[in-house]
Amino acid sequence: MRTVIVAGALLLLTTTAAVAQQRTAIPDSASMAQMAGMFNQMGPMYESMMQSMVQGTIKAFEKPETIERLARFSRRYYDALIKQGFTKEEALQIVAGAGIAGVRAGR
């Protein structure tokens, strides 16, 4: 019985060590080339997806109700900043620096 427990423990330790070694293994050049190929294939799909997202965003901003909601949000943000103790000038700089909610220019 003791032999079975020792054998089981050794098997468990060997398996655990093998799994740990696999997790930290550095990919070889063939794996790297395969991953690079996958990224190259994903590029056009990613570009198409980004174009669709930008077009959808522009379409949403063309709607008058979207512009009204953004204006209400900006005004509420400005008022909340003043309520928290910012000066009118500071609040205006913060709101102006934030730009359109959800859109980050130049990033």
Protein backbone atom coordinates (compact mmCIF):
# COMPACT_ATOMS: atom_id res chain seq x y z
CA MET A 1 0.00 0.00 0.00
CA ARG A 2 2.82 2.35 0.89
CA THR A 3 4.48 1.64 -2.46
CA VAL A 4 1.30 2.66 -4.29
CA ILE A 5 1.12 5.97 -2.40
CA VAL A 6 4.80 6.72 -3.10
CA ALA A 7 4.38 5.79 -6.77
CA GLY A 8 1.30 8.01 -6.99
CA ALA A 9 3.12 10.91 -5.40
CA LEU A 10 6.05 10.51 -7.80
CA LEU A 11 3.68 10.39 -10.76
CA LEU A 12 1.93 13.53 -9.53
CA LEU A 13 5.23 15.39 -9.04
CA THR A 14 6.49 14.34 -12.47
CA THR A 15 3.25 15.44 -14.15
CA THR A 16 3.22 18.76 -12.28
CA ALA A 17 6.84 19.47 -13.25
CA ALA A 18 6.13 18.63 -16.90
CA VAL A 19 3.10 20.95 -16.97
CA ALA A 20 5.07 23.78 -15.33
CA GLN A 21 7.87 23.33 -17.85
CA GLN A 22 5.42 23.49 -20.77
CA ARG A 23 3.96 26.78 -19.51
CA THR A 24 7.32 28.51 -19.40
CA ALA A 25 8.70 27.05 -22.64
CA ILE A 26 9.82 29.61 -25.20
CA PRO A 27 8.24 29.06 -28.63
CA ASP A 28 10.61 27.88 -31.33
CA SER A 29 11.08 29.64 -34.67
CA ALA A 30 8.50 27.43 -36.42
CA SER A 31 5.87 28.39 -33.83
CA MET A 32 6.81 32.03 -34.17
CA ALA A 33 6.51 31.85 -37.96
CA GLN A 34 3.10 30.20 -37.62
CA MET A 35 1.92 32.94 -35.24
CA ALA A 36 3.22 35.65 -37.59
CA GLY A 37 1.30 34.05 -40.45
CA MET A 38 -1.88 34.09 -38.38
CA PHE A 39 -1.40 37.76 -37.54
CA ASN A 40 -0.86 38.57 -41.23
CA GLN A 41 -4.12 36.83 -42.06
CA MET A 42 -5.95 38.70 -39.32
CA GLY A 43 -4.75 42.13 -40.52
CA PRO A 44 -7.27 42.60 -43.36
CA MET A 45 -10.11 41.34 -41.15
CA TYR A 46 -9.12 43.75 -38.38
CA GLU A 47 -8.91 46.65 -40.86
CA SER A 48 -12.37 45.86 -42.21
CA MET A 49 -13.77 45.64 -38.70
CA MET A 50 -12.26 49.01 -37.74
CA GLN A 51 -13.66 50.65 -40.88
CA SER A 52 -17.12 49.32 -40.02
CA MET A 53 -16.83 50.65 -36.47
CA VAL A 54 -15.77 54.11 -37.66
CA GLN A 55 -18.60 54.21 -40.21
CA GLY A 56 -21.09 53.18 -37.51
CA THR A 57 -19.80 55.87 -35.16
CA ILE A 58 -20.09 58.55 -37.84
CA LYS A 59 -23.60 57.38 -38.68
CA ALA A 60 -24.59 57.61 -35.00
CA PHE A 61 -23.14 61.14 -34.69
CA GLU A 62 -25.19 62.25 -37.71
CA LYS A 63 -28.41 61.65 -35.77
CA PRO A 64 -29.76 64.80 -34.06
CA GLU A 65 -30.78 62.83 -30.95
CA THR A 66 -27.18 61.63 -30.50
CA ILE A 67 -25.87 65.19 -30.65
CA GLU A 68 -28.52 66.29 -28.13
CA ARG A 69 -27.51 63.49 -25.74
CA LEU A 70 -23.82 64.37 -26.06
CA ALA A 71 -24.58 68.03 -25.36
CA ARG A 72 -26.61 67.10 -22.25
CA PHE A 73 -23.80 64.84 -21.07
CA SER A 74 -21.16 67.55 -21.56
CA ARG A 75 -23.26 70.12 -19.69
CA ARG A 76 -23.90 67.72 -16.80
CA TYR A 77 -20.21 66.86 -16.66
CA TYR A 78 -19.29 70.57 -16.56
CA ASP A 79 -21.86 71.27 -13.82
CA ALA A 80 -20.69 68.26 -11.78
CA LEU A 81 -17.07 69.43 -11.97
CA ILE A 82 -18.04 72.86 -10.65
CA LYS A 83 -20.11 71.22 -7.90
CA GLN A 84 -17.01 69.22 -6.90
CA GLY A 85 -15.02 72.44 -6.46
CA PHE A 86 -13.39 73.10 -9.82
CA THR A 87 -13.45 76.66 -11.09
CA LYS A 88 -15.48 77.43 -14.20
CA GLU A 89 -12.28 77.75 -16.20
CA GLU A 90 -10.91 74.43 -14.91
CA ALA A 91 -14.20 72.66 -15.60
CA LEU A 92 -14.31 74.08 -19.13
CA GLN A 93 -10.74 72.91 -19.80
CA ILE A 94 -11.54 69.42 -18.53
CA VAL A 95 -14.73 69.11 -20.57
CA ALA A 96 -13.07 70.57 -23.68
CA GLY A 97 -10.09 68.24 -23.23
CA ALA A 98 -12.40 65.23 -22.96
CA GLY A 99 -13.84 65.96 -26.39
CA ILE A 100 -16.73 63.84 -27.54
CA ALA A 101 -17.63 61.15 -25.03
CA GLY A 102 -16.43 57.75 -26.21
CA VAL A 103 -14.16 59.13 -28.94
CA ARG A 104 -10.46 59.69 -28.39
CA ALA A 105 -8.76 61.76 -31.05
CA GLY A 106 -5.06 61.21 -31.67
CA ARG A 107 -4.75 58.02 -29.60
